[in-house]
């Protein structure tokens, strides 16, 4: 897909390339990601890095930012790493389940006594597969680190998550370290 874009596109301005990336490339990288989400601890770093290399390669093609380091390109283009997007999606789905907005997953995790944190129900009942347990523990750790105003934000959760990620996760390496 990227080769086709390179061959057929003359203009490589930031706004044009960003629109093409969001419309043609990123949907392929994120299709059904909740189902196949690669987990770093299961030896999937190769898959994670390969997916990220597609975004890395595409952002190099953009005229104004192509020669900058990857983290700076993402900052200028107002993009996040694909791992961060998957984590954000997991947190949004967890919020939907917790608040009763989704018809699925009600038994996946419980609420702590404080009412603010998640506890994996499989952790308590010793049931479920290892992969399922790790995936639940992976984003429950992040959910539990969110400030209470973000957890209780209601329908503006996406906006508050964006602010939280921009304010507190300044180094993308820290996020990758926590995922591993």
Protein backbone atom coordinates (compact mmCIF):
# COMPACT_ATOMS: atom_id res chain seq x y z
CA UNK A 1 0.00 0.00 0.00
CA UNK A 2 2.80 2.43 0.85
CA UNK A 3 4.56 1.66 -2.44
CA UNK A 4 1.36 2.40 -4.34
CA UNK A 5 1.06 5.75 -2.54
CA UNK A 6 4.70 6.62 -3.26
CA UNK A 7 4.30 5.83 -6.96
CA UNK A 8 1.02 7.69 -7.46
CA UNK A 9 1.26 10.69 -5.17
CA UNK A 10 3.24 13.76 -6.13
CA UNK A 11 2.30 15.99 -3.20
CA UNK A 12 3.79 14.93 0.12
CA UNK A 13 2.62 17.79 2.28
CA UNK A 14 1.87 17.11 5.92
CA UNK A 15 -1.92 17.57 5.73
CA UNK A 16 -2.32 15.43 2.59
CA UNK A 17 -0.09 12.61 3.80
CA UNK A 18 -1.69 12.56 7.24
CA UNK A 19 -5.16 12.29 5.70
CA UNK A 20 -3.98 9.45 3.45
CA UNK A 21 -2.35 7.65 6.38
CA UNK A 22 -5.47 7.88 8.53
CA UNK A 23 -7.76 6.80 5.69
CA UNK A 24 -5.73 4.07 3.96
CA UNK A 25 -2.87 2.78 6.12
CA UNK A 26 -3.90 2.92 9.77
CA UNK A 27 -7.22 1.07 9.30
CA UNK A 28 -5.25 -1.94 7.99
CA UNK A 29 -2.91 -1.82 10.99
CA UNK A 30 -5.77 -1.63 13.50
CA UNK A 31 -8.37 -3.94 11.97
CA UNK A 32 -9.85 -6.16 14.75
CA UNK A 33 -6.97 -5.20 17.03
CA UNK A 34 -9.00 -6.05 20.16
CA UNK A 35 -9.05 -9.65 19.00
CA UNK A 36 -5.41 -10.15 18.01
CA UNK A 37 -3.70 -7.44 20.10
CA UNK A 38 -0.03 -8.46 20.37
CA UNK A 39 1.16 -8.72 23.97
CA UNK A 40 4.83 -7.97 24.55
CA UNK A 41 5.32 -10.50 27.33
CA UNK A 42 4.34 -13.40 25.09
CA UNK A 43 7.32 -12.88 22.78
CA UNK A 44 5.41 -10.72 20.31
CA UNK A 45 7.91 -7.88 20.17
CA UNK A 46 8.65 -8.77 16.55
CA UNK A 47 5.02 -8.22 15.58
CA UNK A 48 4.78 -5.02 17.61
CA UNK A 49 7.94 -3.59 16.05
CA UNK A 50 6.91 -4.67 12.56
CA UNK A 51 3.56 -2.90 12.90
CA UNK A 52 5.25 0.18 14.27
CA UNK A 53 7.75 0.15 11.39
CA UNK A 54 4.92 0.70 8.91
CA UNK A 55 3.92 3.93 10.68
CA UNK A 56 7.60 4.85 11.08
CA UNK A 57 8.23 4.34 7.36
CA UNK A 58 5.16 6.29 6.28
CA UNK A 59 5.98 9.29 8.48
CA UNK A 60 9.45 9.42 6.88
CA UNK A 61 7.76 10.16 3.54
CA UNK A 62 6.24 13.42 4.74
CA UNK A 63 8.15 16.43 3.42
CA UNK A 64 8.35 18.71 6.45
CA UNK A 65 9.10 16.05 9.08
CA UNK A 66 10.64 13.08 7.27
CA UNK A 67 14.18 13.62 8.52
CA UNK A 68 13.29 14.16 12.20
CA UNK A 69 13.50 11.42 14.82
CA UNK A 70 10.40 9.21 15.03
CA UNK A 71 9.22 10.54 18.40
CA UNK A 72 9.46 14.13 17.13
CA UNK A 73 7.58 13.23 13.93
CA UNK A 74 4.77 11.73 16.00
CA UNK A 75 4.63 14.83 18.17
CA UNK A 76 4.45 17.22 15.20
CA UNK A 77 1.86 15.08 13.38
CA UNK A 78 -0.18 14.69 16.57
CA UNK A 79 0.00 10.89 16.31
CA UNK A 80 0.73 8.28 18.96
CA UNK A 81 2.52 4.99 18.66
CA UNK A 82 0.30 2.09 17.67
CA UNK A 83 0.93 0.48 21.07
CA UNK A 84 -0.45 3.59 22.76
CA UNK A 85 -3.51 3.52 20.51
CA UNK A 86 -4.14 -0.13 21.38
CA UNK A 87 -3.81 0.63 25.08
CA UNK A 88 -6.17 3.60 24.75
CA UNK A 89 -8.68 1.36 22.98
CA UNK A 90 -8.41 -1.24 25.74
CA UNK A 91 -9.01 1.41 28.41
CA UNK A 92 -12.05 2.74 26.55
CA UNK A 93 -13.49 -0.78 26.23
CA UNK A 94 -12.85 -1.37 29.95
CA UNK A 95 -14.72 1.84 30.72
CA UNK A 96 -17.67 0.70 28.58
CA UNK A 97 -17.82 -2.63 30.41
CA UNK A 98 -17.50 -1.07 33.88
CA UNK A 99 -20.11 1.59 33.27
CA UNK A 100 -22.57 -0.85 31.67
CA UNK A 101 -22.44 0.74 28.22
CA UNK A 102 -21.41 -2.59 26.65
CA UNK A 103 -23.42 -5.82 26.61
CA UNK A 104 -20.30 -7.98 26.95
CA UNK A 105 -17.51 -8.62 29.41
CA UNK A 106 -19.35 -8.01 32.66
CA UNK A 107 -17.56 -10.94 34.33
CA UNK A 108 -14.07 -10.08 33.09
CA UNK A 109 -13.09 -8.03 36.11
CA UNK A 110 -14.44 -6.80 39.37
CA UNK A 111 -14.28 -3.48 41.13
CA UNK A 112 -12.09 -3.06 44.18
CA UNK A 113 -13.52 -2.14 47.58
CA UNK A 114 -12.63 1.49 46.98
CA UNK A 115 -14.75 1.42 43.82
CA UNK A 116 -12.00 3.00 41.73
CA UNK A 117 -9.67 0.17 40.73
CA UNK A 118 -10.15 -2.96 38.67
CA UNK A 119 -9.38 -6.44 39.85
CA UNK A 120 -9.23 -9.22 37.31
CA UNK A 121 -11.98 -11.69 38.18
CA UNK A 122 -9.85 -14.49 36.72
CA UNK A 123 -7.14 -13.56 39.22
CA UNK A 124 -9.62 -14.05 42.07
CA UNK A 125 -11.28 -17.23 40.79
CA UNK A 126 -8.13 -18.88 39.34
CA UNK A 127 -9.94 -19.57 36.08
CA UNK A 128 -9.22 -18.56 32.50
CA UNK A 129 -6.28 -18.94 30.19
CA UNK A 130 -2.86 -17.44 30.77
CA UNK A 131 -3.16 -15.21 27.71
CA UNK A 132 -6.53 -13.87 28.84
CA UNK A 133 -5.20 -13.30 32.36
CA UNK A 134 -2.17 -11.40 31.10
CA UNK A 135 -4.22 -9.23 28.75
CA UNK A 136 -6.58 -8.35 31.58
CA UNK A 137 -3.72 -7.66 33.97
CA UNK A 138 -1.97 -5.60 31.30
CA UNK A 139 -4.65 -2.96 30.98
CA UNK A 140 -5.98 -3.24 34.54
CA UNK A 141 -2.55 -2.02 35.68
CA UNK A 142 -2.91 1.03 33.43
CA UNK A 143 -6.55 1.56 34.44
CA UNK A 144 -5.59 1.49 38.11
CA UNK A 145 -2.90 4.14 37.49
CA UNK A 146 -5.40 6.57 35.96
CA UNK A 147 -6.48 9.49 38.16
CA UNK A 148 -9.97 9.14 39.62
CA UNK A 149 -11.26 12.16 37.63
CA UNK A 150 -10.40 10.33 34.40
CA UNK A 151 -12.03 7.07 35.57
CA UNK A 152 -15.20 8.88 36.60
CA UNK A 153 -15.36 11.19 33.57
CA UNK A 154 -18.42 9.61 31.98
CA UNK A 155 -18.89 10.23 28.30
CA UNK A 156 -15.81 12.48 27.98
CA UNK A 157 -13.41 9.64 28.83
CA UNK A 158 -11.70 9.77 25.42
CA UNK A 159 -10.88 13.46 25.79
CA UNK A 160 -9.60 13.04 29.34
CA UNK A 161 -7.49 10.03 28.28
CA UNK A 162 -5.89 12.16 25.56
CA UNK A 163 -5.00 14.86 28.08
CA UNK A 164 -3.75 12.27 30.56
CA UNK A 165 -1.52 10.57 27.99
CA UNK A 166 -0.08 13.87 26.79
CA UNK A 167 0.55 15.16 30.31
CA UNK A 168 1.92 12.10 32.05
CA UNK A 169 3.45 9.85 29.41
CA UNK A 170 6.14 12.04 27.96
CA UNK A 171 8.54 9.29 26.99
CA UNK A 172 7.25 6.58 24.69
CA UNK A 173 9.99 4.29 25.95
CA UNK A 174 8.40 4.34 29.41
CA UNK A 175 5.14 3.02 27.98
CA UNK A 176 6.93 0.26 26.09
CA UNK A 177 8.82 -0.61 29.29
CA UNK A 178 5.54 -0.94 31.20
CA UNK A 179 4.08 -3.14 28.46
CA UNK A 180 7.05 -5.48 28.70
